[in-house]
Amino acid sequence: MAMRVATFAQTSSLIADALRIQSVMANEQIQESSGQISSDFGGYGSTAQHVVNLQVSVTRAQSYVDAATLADSRVQVMYSAVGSMTDMVTQLRSQLSAASTGSSTEANSAIATAQQYLEQMGSLLNTQYDGQYVFAGGKTEAAPVDITSFATGTGSTATADTSYYSGDGEVASVRVSADQAVSYGVTADNSAFEEVMRVLKFVANSTSLSSSDITQALDLASTALDDTVAVQARLSGAASQIETASTRQSDYKSFAETLSSDLTGVDVAAITAQLSTYQSQLTASYSALGKILSMNLASYLK
């Protein structure tokens, strides 16, 4: 490139301006394509710490939402299982009421139903979700209920018996925020479930049902029904708390993401307009530079 001493300063200035505009354009082209001010925290300047804090908040909120979603699914599965238990107790109580008239046919029907329900109850108490037993307390990897030994003999309607249970007493809970944890777990040895198991065992292993037997069984079935409904109500309340907390965390996450986007994002339309302006300036700079470099005395004297 030929350059005269007389035009050196002006040429250098034009070249420096052109290079500066090229640098700005290159940066804004990256911003236009990515929609972000910078690809690293260094490019955010004094707002970098705010951006980091907001991103941490978003990640933490999402972890609470994920935990709440999993817990809510477990609660729904437990609620459904307990609902099946209340249906069984309701049906058994109806059959026992029918048998109270002294009909041996109705009594035999109640016995057969109890035998079937005892097996179903064991299965319900071994309900799994995501590979874990939901009524096992903290021992979620192993089935908490085995009715093999439990299902022999009539037992007593007045004496509690949780020998069918091999889980522990840990009650599941989920942390839904930094300062809130919701307890939702129910173990298979819960008194409501034990009452259901006890009345089913008593009726299922009876060869016949006397008036006294039916009265005892009906009383226990009524108590079991009330208590299983209460367990369902607690599960419903826990689900409501979990869902409310999850919604709150989702709302906060959206709010934090919006704030973070405001700090890190760019107005693509504005950047595009600026690029158009810089392109015009760059074209003008190179045009002027070309004219200066093409100037020489011989051309001037022609």
C-alpha atoms as a PDB file:
ATOM      1  CA  MET A   1       0.000   0.000   0.000  1.00  0.00           C
ATOM      2  CA  ALA A   2       1.527   3.339  -1.084  1.00  0.00           C
ATOM      3  CA  MET A   3       1.309   6.110   1.467  1.00  0.00           C
ATOM      4  CA  ARG A   4       2.603   9.684   1.360  1.00  0.00           C
ATOM      5  CA  VAL A   5       4.042  11.562   4.308  1.00  0.00           C
ATOM      6  CA  ALA A   6       1.459  14.297   3.782  1.00  0.00           C
ATOM      7  CA  THR A   7      -1.483  11.872   3.991  1.00  0.00           C
ATOM      8  CA  PHE A   8      -0.088   9.551   6.699  1.00  0.00           C
ATOM      9  CA  ALA A   9      -1.982  11.040   9.649  1.00  0.00           C
ATOM     10  CA  GLN A  10      -5.331  11.121   7.849  1.00  0.00           C
ATOM     11  CA  THR A  11      -4.830   7.643   6.407  1.00  0.00           C
ATOM     12  CA  SER A  12      -3.893   6.194   9.794  1.00  0.00           C
ATOM     13  CA  SER A  13      -6.942   7.781  11.387  1.00  0.00           C
ATOM     14  CA  LEU A  14      -9.262   6.337   8.743  1.00  0.00           C
ATOM     15  CA  ILE A  15      -7.702   2.872   9.051  1.00  0.00           C
ATOM     16  CA  ALA A  16      -7.989   2.985  12.870  1.00  0.00           C
ATOM     17  CA  ASP A  17     -11.646   4.023  12.608  1.00  0.00           C
ATOM     18  CA  ALA A  18     -12.362   1.277  10.091  1.00  0.00           C
ATOM     19  CA  LEU A  19     -10.716  -1.357  12.288  1.00  0.00           C
ATOM     20  CA  ARG A  20     -12.617  -0.122  15.340  1.00  0.00           C
ATOM     21  CA  ILE A  21     -15.912  -0.326  13.458  1.00  0.00           C
ATOM     22  CA  GLN A  22     -15.002  -3.804  12.228  1.00  0.00           C
ATOM     23  CA  SER A  23     -14.310  -4.923  15.804  1.00  0.00           C
ATOM     24  CA  VAL A  24     -17.603  -3.480  17.051  1.00  0.00           C
ATOM     25  CA  MET A  25     -19.452  -5.100  14.158  1.00  0.00           C
ATOM     26  CA  ALA A  26     -17.850  -8.491  14.829  1.00  0.00           C
ATOM     27  CA  ASN A  27     -18.950  -8.332  18.475  1.00  0.00           C
ATOM     28  CA  GLU A  28     -22.469  -7.227  17.593  1.00  0.00           C
ATOM     29  CA  GLN A  29     -22.780  -9.916  14.921  1.00  0.00           C
ATOM     30  CA  ILE A  30     -22.052 -12.492  17.651  1.00  0.00           C
ATOM     31  CA  GLN A  31     -24.661 -10.809  19.876  1.00  0.00           C
ATOM     32  CA  GLU A  32     -27.168 -10.810  17.018  1.00  0.00           C
ATOM     33  CA  SER A  33     -26.746 -14.528  16.400  1.00  0.00           C
ATOM     34  CA  SER A  34     -26.656 -15.581  20.077  1.00  0.00           C
ATOM     35  CA  GLY A  35     -29.061 -13.029  21.534  1.00  0.00           C
ATOM     36  CA  GLN A  36     -26.607 -12.589  24.427  1.00  0.00           C
ATOM     37  CA  ILE A  37     -24.382  -9.700  25.449  1.00  0.00           C
ATOM     38  CA  SER A  38     -21.420 -12.011  26.014  1.00  0.00           C
ATOM     39  CA  SER A  39     -20.461 -15.655  25.815  1.00  0.00           C
ATOM     40  CA  ASP A  40     -18.715 -15.494  29.203  1.00  0.00           C
ATOM     41  CA  PHE A  41     -19.173 -13.684  32.503  1.00  0.00           C
ATOM     42  CA  GLY A  42     -16.252 -11.371  31.800  1.00  0.00           C
ATOM     43  CA  GLY A  43     -18.297  -9.609  29.173  1.00  0.00           C
ATOM     44  CA  TYR A  44     -21.024  -8.618  31.647  1.00  0.00           C
ATOM     45  CA  GLY A  45     -18.841  -6.216  33.571  1.00  0.00           C
ATOM     46  CA  SER A  46     -20.255  -5.017  36.892  1.00  0.00           C
ATOM     47  CA  THR A  47     -23.456  -7.043  36.440  1.00  0.00           C
ATOM     48  CA  ALA A  48     -21.594 -10.379  36.342  1.00  0.00           C
ATOM     49  CA  GLN A  49     -22.184 -11.129  40.030  1.00  0.00           C
ATOM     50  CA  HIS A  50     -25.902 -10.375  39.673  1.00  0.00           C
ATOM     51  CA  VAL A  51     -26.069 -12.719  36.699  1.00  0.00           C
ATOM     52  CA  VAL A  52     -24.320 -15.496  38.631  1.00  0.00           C
ATOM     53  CA  ASN A  53     -26.647 -15.061  41.635  1.00  0.00           C
ATOM     54  CA  LEU A  54     -29.727 -15.192  39.426  1.00  0.00           C
ATOM     55  CA  GLN A  55     -28.543 -18.302  37.607  1.00  0.00           C
ATOM     56  CA  VAL A  56     -27.875 -20.034  40.939  1.00  0.00           C
ATOM     57  CA  SER A  57     -31.386 -19.057  42.066  1.00  0.00           C
ATOM     58  CA  VAL A  58     -32.888 -20.480  38.883  1.00  0.00           C
ATOM     59  CA  THR A  59     -31.013 -23.772  39.319  1.00  0.00           C
ATOM     60  CA  ARG A  60     -32.032 -24.046  42.972  1.00  0.00           C
ATOM     61  CA  ALA A  61     -35.687 -23.290  42.205  1.00  0.00           C
ATOM     62  CA  GLN A  62     -35.693 -25.943  39.480  1.00  0.00           C
ATOM     63  CA  SER A  63     -34.271 -28.511  41.914  1.00  0.00           C
ATOM     64  CA  TYR A  64     -37.134 -27.754  44.320  1.00  0.00           C
ATOM     65  CA  VAL A  65     -39.659 -28.087  41.481  1.00  0.00           C
ATOM     66  CA  ASP A  66     -38.170 -31.431  40.412  1.00  0.00           C
ATOM     67  CA  ALA A  67     -38.225 -32.766  43.976  1.00  0.00           C
ATOM     68  CA  ALA A  68     -41.806 -31.564  44.463  1.00  0.00           C
ATOM     69  CA  THR A  69     -42.914 -33.157  41.187  1.00  0.00           C
ATOM     70  CA  LEU A  70     -41.472 -36.536  42.190  1.00  0.00           C
ATOM     71  CA  ALA A  71     -42.979 -36.332  45.675  1.00  0.00           C
ATOM     72  CA  ASP A  72     -46.358 -35.306  44.282  1.00  0.00           C
ATOM     73  CA  SER A  73     -46.358 -38.316  41.966  1.00  0.00           C
ATOM     74  CA  ARG A  74     -45.569 -40.588  44.923  1.00  0.00           C
ATOM     75  CA  VAL A  75     -48.390 -39.015  46.944  1.00  0.00           C
ATOM     76  CA  GLN A  76     -50.835 -39.531  44.078  1.00  0.00           C
ATOM     77  CA  VAL A  77     -49.882 -43.215  43.881  1.00  0.00           C
ATOM     78  CA  MET A  78     -50.287 -43.587  47.649  1.00  0.00           C
ATOM     79  CA  TYR A  79     -53.622 -41.757  47.580  1.00  0.00           C
ATOM     80  CA  SER A  80     -54.916 -44.079  44.873  1.00  0.00           C
ATOM     81  CA  ALA A  81     -53.810 -47.168  46.815  1.00  0.00           C
ATOM     82  CA  VAL A  82     -55.484 -45.953  50.013  1.00  0.00           C
ATOM     83  CA  GLY A  83     -58.611 -45.219  47.973  1.00  0.00           C
ATOM     84  CA  SER A  84     -58.677 -48.872  46.921  1.00  0.00           C
ATOM     85  CA  MET A  85     -58.355 -49.869  50.573  1.00  0.00           C
ATOM     86  CA  THR A  86     -61.341 -47.740  51.592  1.00  0.00           C
ATOM     87  CA  ASP A  87     -63.356 -49.305  48.775  1.00  0.00           C
ATOM     88  CA  MET A  88     -62.511 -52.782  50.055  1.00  0.00           C
ATOM     89  CA  VAL A  89     -63.410 -51.964  53.651  1.00  0.00           C
ATOM     90  CA  THR A  90     -66.667 -50.370  52.506  1.00  0.00           C
ATOM     91  CA  GLN A  91     -67.574 -53.469  50.518  1.00  0.00           C
ATOM     92  CA  LEU A  92     -66.634 -55.796  53.375  1.00  0.00           C
ATOM     93  CA  ARG A  93     -68.702 -53.785  55.819  1.00  0.00           C
ATOM     94  CA  SER A  94     -71.693 -54.012  53.481  1.00  0.00           C
ATOM     95  CA  GLN A  95     -71.336 -57.788  53.280  1.00  0.00           C
ATOM     96  CA  LEU A  96     -70.952 -58.095  57.042  1.00  0.00           C
ATOM     97  CA  SER A  97     -74.121 -56.054  57.484  1.00  0.00           C
ATOM     98  CA  ALA A  98     -75.910 -58.416  55.134  1.00  0.00           C
ATOM     99  CA  ALA A  99     -74.556 -61.390  57.080  1.00  0.00           C
ATOM    100  CA  SER A 100     -75.857 -59.944  60.348  1.00  0.00           C
ATOM    101  CA  THR A 101     -79.334 -61.184  59.389  1.00  0.00           C
ATOM    102  CA  GLY A 102     -78.120 -64.691  60.135  1.00  0.00           C
ATOM    103  CA  SER A 103     -77.810 -65.830  56.521  1.00  0.00           C
ATOM    104  CA  SER A 104     -75.048 -68.413  56.169  1.00  0.00           C
ATOM    105  CA  THR A 105     -74.826 -67.620  52.470  1.00  0.00           C
ATOM    106  CA  GLU A 106     -74.055 -63.967  53.214  1.00  0.00           C
ATOM    107  CA  ALA A 107     -71.586 -64.978  55.926  1.00  0.00           C
ATOM    108  CA  ASN A 108     -69.756 -67.312  53.534  1.00  0.00           C
ATOM    109  CA  SER A 109     -69.720 -64.544  50.926  1.00  0.00           C
ATOM    110  CA  ALA A 110     -68.150 -62.157  53.444  1.00  0.00           C
ATOM    111  CA  ILE A 111     -65.513 -64.752  54.340  1.00  0.00           C
ATOM    112  CA  ALA A 112     -64.636 -65.364  50.681  1.00  0.00           C
ATOM    113  CA  THR A 113     -64.452 -61.635  50.029  1.00  0.00           C
ATOM    114  CA  ALA A 114     -62.153 -61.093  53.025  1.00  0.00           C
ATOM    115  CA  GLN A 115     -59.829 -63.844  51.803  1.00  0.00           C
ATOM    116  CA  GLN A 116     -59.570 -62.144  48.426  1.00  0.00           C
ATOM    117  CA  TYR A 117     -59.153 -58.691  49.937  1.00  0.00           C
ATOM    118  CA  LEU A 118     -56.422 -59.828  52.330  1.00  0.00           C
ATOM    119  CA  GLU A 119     -54.272 -60.777  49.329  1.00  0.00           C
ATOM    120  CA  GLN A 120     -55.116 -57.508  47.598  1.00  0.00           C
ATOM    121  CA  MET A 121     -54.332 -55.528  50.735  1.00  0.00           C
ATOM    122  CA  GLY A 122     -50.874 -57.078  50.897  1.00  0.00           C
ATOM    123  CA  SER A 123     -50.333 -56.135  47.266  1.00  0.00           C
ATOM    124  CA  LEU A 124     -51.514 -52.565  47.821  1.00  0.00           C
ATOM    125  CA  LEU A 125     -49.182 -52.114  50.778  1.00  0.00           C
ATOM    126  CA  ASN A 126     -46.341 -53.239  48.494  1.00  0.00           C
ATOM    127  CA  THR A 127     -47.199 -50.588  45.912  1.00  0.00           C
ATOM    128  CA  GLN A 128     -44.166 -49.299  44.020  1.00  0.00           C
ATOM    129  CA  TYR A 129     -43.430 -46.062  42.228  1.00  0.00           C
ATOM    130  CA  ASP A 130     -40.265 -45.442  40.228  1.00  0.00           C
ATOM    131  CA  GLY A 131     -38.827 -48.710  41.544  1.00  0.00           C
ATOM    132  CA  GLN A 132     -39.395 -47.852  45.213  1.00  0.00           C
ATOM    133  CA  TYR A 133     -41.933 -49.189  47.707  1.00  0.00           C
ATOM    134  CA  VAL A 134     -43.972 -46.180  48.797  1.00  0.00           C
ATOM    135  CA  PHE A 135     -45.247 -47.623  52.110  1.00  0.00           C
ATOM    136  CA  ALA A 136     -41.885 -48.999  53.302  1.00  0.00           C
ATOM    137  CA  GLY A 137     -40.627 -45.975  55.218  1.00  0.00           C
ATOM    138  CA  GLY A 138     -36.898 -45.581  54.544  1.00  0.00           C
ATOM    139  CA  LYS A 139     -36.410 -49.168  53.310  1.00  0.00           C
ATOM    140  CA  THR A 140     -37.795 -48.418  49.864  1.00  0.00           C
ATOM    141  CA  GLU A 141     -35.755 -51.085  48.062  1.00  0.00           C
ATOM    142  CA  ALA A 142     -37.512 -54.085  49.647  1.00  0.00           C
ATOM    143  CA  ALA A 143     -41.173 -55.077  49.841  1.00  0.00           C
ATOM    144  CA  PRO A 144     -42.368 -54.039  53.313  1.00  0.00           C
ATOM    145  CA  VAL A 145     -45.253 -56.492  53.618  1.00  0.00           C
ATOM    146  CA  ASP A 146     -45.328 -60.283  53.706  1.00  0.00           C
ATOM    147  CA  ILE A 147     -48.648 -61.833  54.718  1.00  0.00           C
ATOM    148  CA  THR A 148     -47.499 -65.453  54.498  1.00  0.00           C
ATOM    149  CA  SER A 149     -47.382 -65.952  58.260  1.00  0.00           C
ATOM    150  CA  PHE A 150     -49.783 -63.165  59.114  1.00  0.00           C
ATOM    151  CA  ALA A 151     -52.645 -64.693  57.122  1.00  0.00           C
ATOM    152  CA  THR A 152     -52.934 -67.742  59.367  1.00  0.00           C
ATOM    153  CA  GLY A 153     -55.460 -67.877  62.192  1.00  0.00           C
ATOM    154  CA  THR A 154     -58.169 -65.384  62.989  1.00  0.00           C
ATOM    155  CA  GLY A 155     -56.150 -63.336  65.429  1.00  0.00           C
ATOM    156  CA  SER A 156     -58.082 -60.901  67.598  1.00  0.00           C
ATOM    157  CA  THR A 157     -60.232 -57.951  66.648  1.00  0.00           C
ATOM    158  CA  ALA A 158     -59.057 -56.181  69.801  1.00  0.00           C
ATOM    159  CA  THR A 159     -55.267 -56.687  69.575  1.00  0.00           C
ATOM    160  CA  ALA A 160     -53.128 -54.837  67.047  1.00  0.00           C
ATOM    161  CA  ASP A 161     -50.809 -56.961  64.915  1.00  0.00           C
ATOM    162  CA  THR A 162     -48.197 -55.485  62.561  1.00  0.00           C
ATOM    163  CA  SER A 163     -46.167 -58.673  62.174  1.00  0.00           C
ATOM    164  CA  TYR A 164     -46.716 -58.431  58.428  1.00  0.00           C
ATOM    165  CA  TYR A 165     -44.520 -55.298  58.262  1.00  0.00           C
ATOM    166  CA  SER A 166     -40.721 -55.318  57.779  1.00  0.00           C
ATOM    167  CA  GLY A 167     -40.104 -51.697  56.860  1.00  0.00           C
ATOM    168  CA  ASP A 168     -39.026 -48.953  59.271  1.00  0.00           C
ATOM    169  CA  GLY A 169     -40.658 -45.920  60.858  1.00  0.00           C
ATOM    170  CA  GLU A 170     -39.116 -43.241  58.661  1.00  0.00           C
ATOM    171  CA  VAL A 171     -41.714 -40.844  57.300  1.00  0.00           C
ATOM    172  CA  ALA A 172     -40.934 -39.505  53.829  1.00  0.00           C
ATOM    173  CA  SER A 173     -40.749 -35.758  53.330  1.00  0.00           C
ATOM    174  CA  VAL A 174     -39.675 -33.377  50.585  1.00  0.00           C
ATOM    175  CA  ARG A 175     -37.942 -30.013  50.810  1.00  0.00           C
ATOM    176  CA  VAL A 176     -39.878 -27.583  48.653  1.00  0.00           C
ATOM    177  CA  SER A 177     -37.975 -24.399  49.572  1.00  0.00           C
ATOM    178  CA  ALA A 178     -35.037 -23.288  51.693  1.00  0.00           C
ATOM    179  CA  ASP A 179     -37.268 -23.041  54.749  1.00  0.00           C
ATOM    180  CA  GLN A 180     -40.108 -25.511  54.075  1.00  0.00           C
ATOM    181  CA  ALA A 181     -40.275 -29.300  54.022  1.00  0.00           C
ATOM    182  CA  VAL A 182     -43.530 -31.201  53.559  1.00  0.00           C
ATOM    183  CA  SER A 183     -43.984 -34.532  55.334  1.00  0.00           C
ATOM    184  CA  TYR A 184     -46.148 -36.889  53.279  1.00  0.00           C
ATOM    185  CA  GLY A 185     -45.045 -40.440  53.966  1.00  0.00           C
ATOM    186  CA  VAL A 186     -47.273 -43.214  55.331  1.00  0.00           C
ATOM    187  CA  THR A 187     -45.888 -46.596  56.344  1.00  0.00           C
ATOM    188  CA  ALA A 188     -47.650 -49.916  55.933  1.00  0.00           C
ATOM    189  CA  ASP A 189     -47.858 -50.393  59.698  1.00  0.00           C
ATOM    190  CA  ASN A 190     -49.985 -47.257  60.038  1.00  0.00           C
ATOM    191  CA  SER A 191     -52.794 -47.913  62.526  1.00  0.00           C
ATOM    192  CA  ALA A 192     -55.454 -47.469  59.814  1.00  0.00           C
ATOM    193  CA  PHE A 193     -53.834 -50.096  57.592  1.00  0.00           C
ATOM    194  CA  GLU A 194     -53.257 -52.405  60.536  1.00  0.00           C
ATOM    195  CA  GLU A 195     -56.966 -52.219  61.380  1.00  0.00           C
ATOM    196  CA  VAL A 196     -57.866 -53.142  57.814  1.00  0.00           C
ATOM    197  CA  MET A 197     -55.443 -56.063  57.893  1.00  0.00           C
ATOM    198  CA  ARG A 198     -56.766 -57.184  61.276  1.00  0.00           C
ATOM    199  CA  VAL A 199     -60.438 -57.271  60.287  1.00  0.00           C
ATOM    200  CA  LEU A 200     -59.645 -58.958  56.980  1.00  0.00           C
ATOM    201  CA  LYS A 201     -57.580 -61.612  58.762  1.00  0.00           C
ATOM    202  CA  PHE A 202     -60.317 -62.198  61.323  1.00  0.00           C
ATOM    203  CA  VAL A 203     -63.068 -62.642  58.750  1.00  0.00           C
ATOM    204  CA  ALA A 204     -60.972 -64.456  56.128  1.00  0.00           C
ATOM    205  CA  ASN A 205     -59.825 -67.181  58.537  1.00  0.00           C
ATOM    206  CA  SER A 206     -63.187 -67.736  60.192  1.00  0.00           C
ATOM    207  CA  THR A 207     -64.995 -70.964  59.279  1.00  0.00           C
ATOM    208  CA  SER A 208     -68.277 -69.345  60.207  1.00  0.00           C
ATOM    209  CA  LEU A 209     -69.419 -66.004  61.603  1.00  0.00           C
ATOM    210  CA  SER A 210     -71.510 -65.827  64.717  1.00  0.00           C
ATOM    211  CA  SER A 211     -73.563 -62.807  65.594  1.00  0.00           C
ATOM    212  CA  SER A 212     -70.859 -61.754  68.044  1.00  0.00           C
ATOM    213  CA  ASP A 213     -68.140 -62.220  65.410  1.00  0.00           C
ATOM    214  CA  ILE A 214     -70.026 -60.076  62.935  1.00  0.00           C
ATOM    215  CA  THR A 215     -70.577 -57.334  65.508  1.00  0.00           C
ATOM    216  CA  GLN A 216     -66.860 -57.252  66.379  1.00  0.00           C
ATOM    217  CA  ALA A 217     -65.868 -57.278  62.723  1.00  0.00           C
ATOM    218  CA  LEU A 218     -68.345 -54.532  61.846  1.00  0.00           C
ATOM    219  CA  ASP A 219     -67.077 -52.304  64.650  1.00  0.00           C
ATOM    220  CA  LEU A 220     -63.469 -52.797  63.578  1.00  0.00           C
ATOM    221  CA  ALA A 221     -64.334 -52.315  59.890  1.00  0.00           C
ATOM    222  CA  SER A 222     -66.092 -49.036  60.694  1.00  0.00           C
ATOM    223  CA  THR A 223     -63.083 -47.807  62.666  1.00  0.00           C
ATOM    224  CA  ALA A 224     -60.726 -48.905  59.883  1.00  0.00           C
ATOM    225  CA  LEU A 225     -62.827 -47.104  57.285  1.00  0.00           C
ATOM    226  CA  ASP A 226     -62.824 -43.854  59.249  1.00  0.00           C
ATOM    227  CA  ASP A 227     -59.074 -44.066  59.775  1.00  0.00           C
ATOM    228  CA  THR A 228     -58.208 -44.885  56.153  1.00  0.00           C
ATOM    229  CA  VAL A 229     -60.339 -41.954  55.017  1.00  0.00           C
ATOM    230  CA  ALA A 230     -58.360 -39.793  57.456  1.00  0.00           C
ATOM    231  CA  VAL A 231     -55.103 -41.064  55.910  1.00  0.00           C
ATOM    232  CA  GLN A 232     -56.430 -40.130  52.482  1.00  0.00           C
ATOM    233  CA  ALA A 233     -57.287 -36.665  53.753  1.00  0.00           C
ATOM    234  CA  ARG A 234     -53.742 -36.202  55.071  1.00  0.00           C
ATOM    235  CA  LEU A 235     -52.296 -37.318  51.753  1.00  0.00           C
ATOM    236  CA  SER A 236     -54.577 -34.876  49.961  1.00  0.00           C
ATOM    237  CA  GLY A 237     -53.431 -32.076  52.249  1.00  0.00           C
ATOM    238  CA  ALA A 238     -49.774 -32.959  51.658  1.00  0.00           C
ATOM    239  CA  ALA A 239     -50.333 -33.010  47.892  1.00  0.00           C
ATOM    240  CA  SER A 240     -51.926 -29.572  48.075  1.00  0.00           C
ATOM    241  CA  GLN A 241     -48.966 -28.174  50.014  1.00  0.00           C
ATOM    242  CA  ILE A 242     -46.469 -29.723  47.598  1.00  0.00           C
ATOM    243  CA  GLU A 243     -48.285 -28.447  44.517  1.00  0.00           C
ATOM    244  CA  THR A 244     -48.634 -24.944  45.980  1.00  0.00           C
ATOM    245  CA  ALA A 245     -44.932 -24.837  46.842  1.00  0.00           C
ATOM    246  CA  SER A 246     -43.997 -26.145  43.396  1.00  0.00           C
ATOM    247  CA  THR A 247     -46.085 -23.454  41.716  1.00  0.00           C
ATOM    248  CA  ARG A 248     -44.452 -20.817  43.893  1.00  0.00           C
ATOM    249  CA  GLN A 249     -40.975 -22.065  42.947  1.00  0.00           C
ATOM    250  CA  SER A 250     -41.919 -22.192  39.256  1.00  0.00           C
ATOM    251  CA  ASP A 251     -43.154 -18.592  39.424  1.00  0.00           C
ATOM    252  CA  TYR A 252     -39.953 -17.488  41.159  1.00  0.00           C
ATOM    253  CA  LYS A 253     -37.850 -19.369  38.598  1.00  0.00           C
ATOM    254  CA  SER A 254     -39.635 -17.564  35.752  1.00  0.00           C
ATOM    255  CA  PHE A 255     -39.126 -14.219  37.513  1.00  0.00           C
ATOM    256  CA  ALA A 256     -35.400 -14.879  38.045  1.00  0.00           C
ATOM    257  CA  GLU A 257     -34.992 -16.056  34.448  1.00  0.00           C
ATOM    258  CA  THR A 258     -36.607 -12.851  33.216  1.00  0.00           C
ATOM    259  CA  LEU A 259     -34.280 -10.725  35.351  1.00  0.00           C
ATOM    260  CA  SER A 260     -31.274 -12.712  34.161  1.00  0.00           C
ATOM    261  CA  SER A 261     -32.390 -12.368  30.548  1.00  0.00           C
ATOM    262  CA  ASP A 262     -32.729  -8.602  30.985  1.00  0.00           C
ATOM    263  CA  LEU A 263     -29.118  -8.459  32.193  1.00  0.00           C
ATOM    264  CA  THR A 264     -27.611 -10.840  29.651  1.00  0.00           C
ATOM    265  CA  GLY A 265     -29.838 -10.529  26.600  1.00  0.00           C
ATOM    266  CA  VAL A 266     -29.756  -8.014  23.754  1.00  0.00           C
ATOM    267  CA  ASP A 267     -32.416  -6.388  21.621  1.00  0.00           C
ATOM    268  CA  VAL A 268     -31.759  -8.232  18.367  1.00  0.00           C
ATOM    269  CA  ALA A 269     -33.770  -5.725  16.315  1.00  0.00           C
ATOM    270  CA  ALA A 270     -31.743  -2.822  17.729  1.00  0.00           C
ATOM    271  CA  ILE A 271     -28.464  -4.677  17.127  1.00  0.00           C
ATOM    272  CA  THR A 272     -29.492  -5.370  13.531  1.00  0.00           C
ATOM    273  CA  ALA A 273     -30.228  -1.671  12.987  1.00  0.00           C
ATOM    274  CA  GLN A 274     -26.868  -0.687  14.502  1.00  0.00           C
ATOM    275  CA  LEU A 275     -25.066  -3.182  12.273  1.00  0.00           C
ATOM    276  CA  SER A 276     -26.683  -1.572   9.243  1.00  0.00           C
ATOM    277  CA  THR A 277     -25.459   1.828  10.386  1.00  0.00           C
ATOM    278  CA  TYR A 278     -21.941   0.558  11.064  1.00  0.00           C
ATOM    279  CA  GLN A 279     -21.880  -1.115   7.649  1.00  0.00           C
ATOM    280  CA  SER A 280     -22.656   2.243   6.017  1.00  0.00           C
ATOM    281  CA  GLN A 281     -19.951   3.939   8.081  1.00  0.00           C
ATOM    282  CA  LEU A 282     -17.420   1.234   7.205  1.00  0.00           C
ATOM    283  CA  THR A 283     -18.250   1.506   3.497  1.00  0.00           C
ATOM    284  CA  ALA A 284     -17.803   5.276   3.657  1.00  0.00           C
ATOM    285  CA  SER A 285     -14.490   4.908   5.535  1.00  0.00           C
ATOM    286  CA  TYR A 286     -13.031   2.507   2.986  1.00  0.00           C
ATOM    287  CA  SER A 287     -14.281   4.693   0.136  1.00  0.00           C
ATOM    288  CA  ALA A 288     -12.571   7.750   1.620  1.00  0.00           C
ATOM    289  CA  LEU A 289      -9.440   5.712   2.341  1.00  0.00           C
ATOM    290  CA  GLY A 290      -9.365   4.480  -1.245  1.00  0.00           C
ATOM    291  CA  LYS A 291      -9.587   7.994  -2.568  1.00  0.00           C
ATOM    292  CA  ILE A 292      -6.778   9.238  -0.308  1.00  0.00           C
ATOM    293  CA  LEU A 293      -4.487   6.376  -1.256  1.00  0.00           C
ATOM    294  CA  SER A 294      -5.136   6.896  -4.945  1.00  0.00           C
ATOM    295  CA  MET A 295      -4.154  10.568  -4.840  1.00  0.00           C
ATOM    296  CA  ASN A 296      -0.728  11.506  -6.344  1.00  0.00           C
ATOM    297  CA  LEU A 297       0.780  14.569  -7.970  1.00  0.00           C
ATOM    298  CA  ALA A 298       0.824  13.069 -11.461  1.00  0.00           C
ATOM    299  CA  SER A 299      -2.896  12.472 -11.372  1.00  0.00           C
ATOM    300  CA  TYR A 300      -3.473  15.956 -10.030  1.00  0.00           C
ATOM    301  CA  LEU A 301      -1.431  17.612 -12.847  1.00  0.00           C
ATOM    302  CA  LYS A 302      -3.313  15.805 -15.606  1.00  0.00           C
END
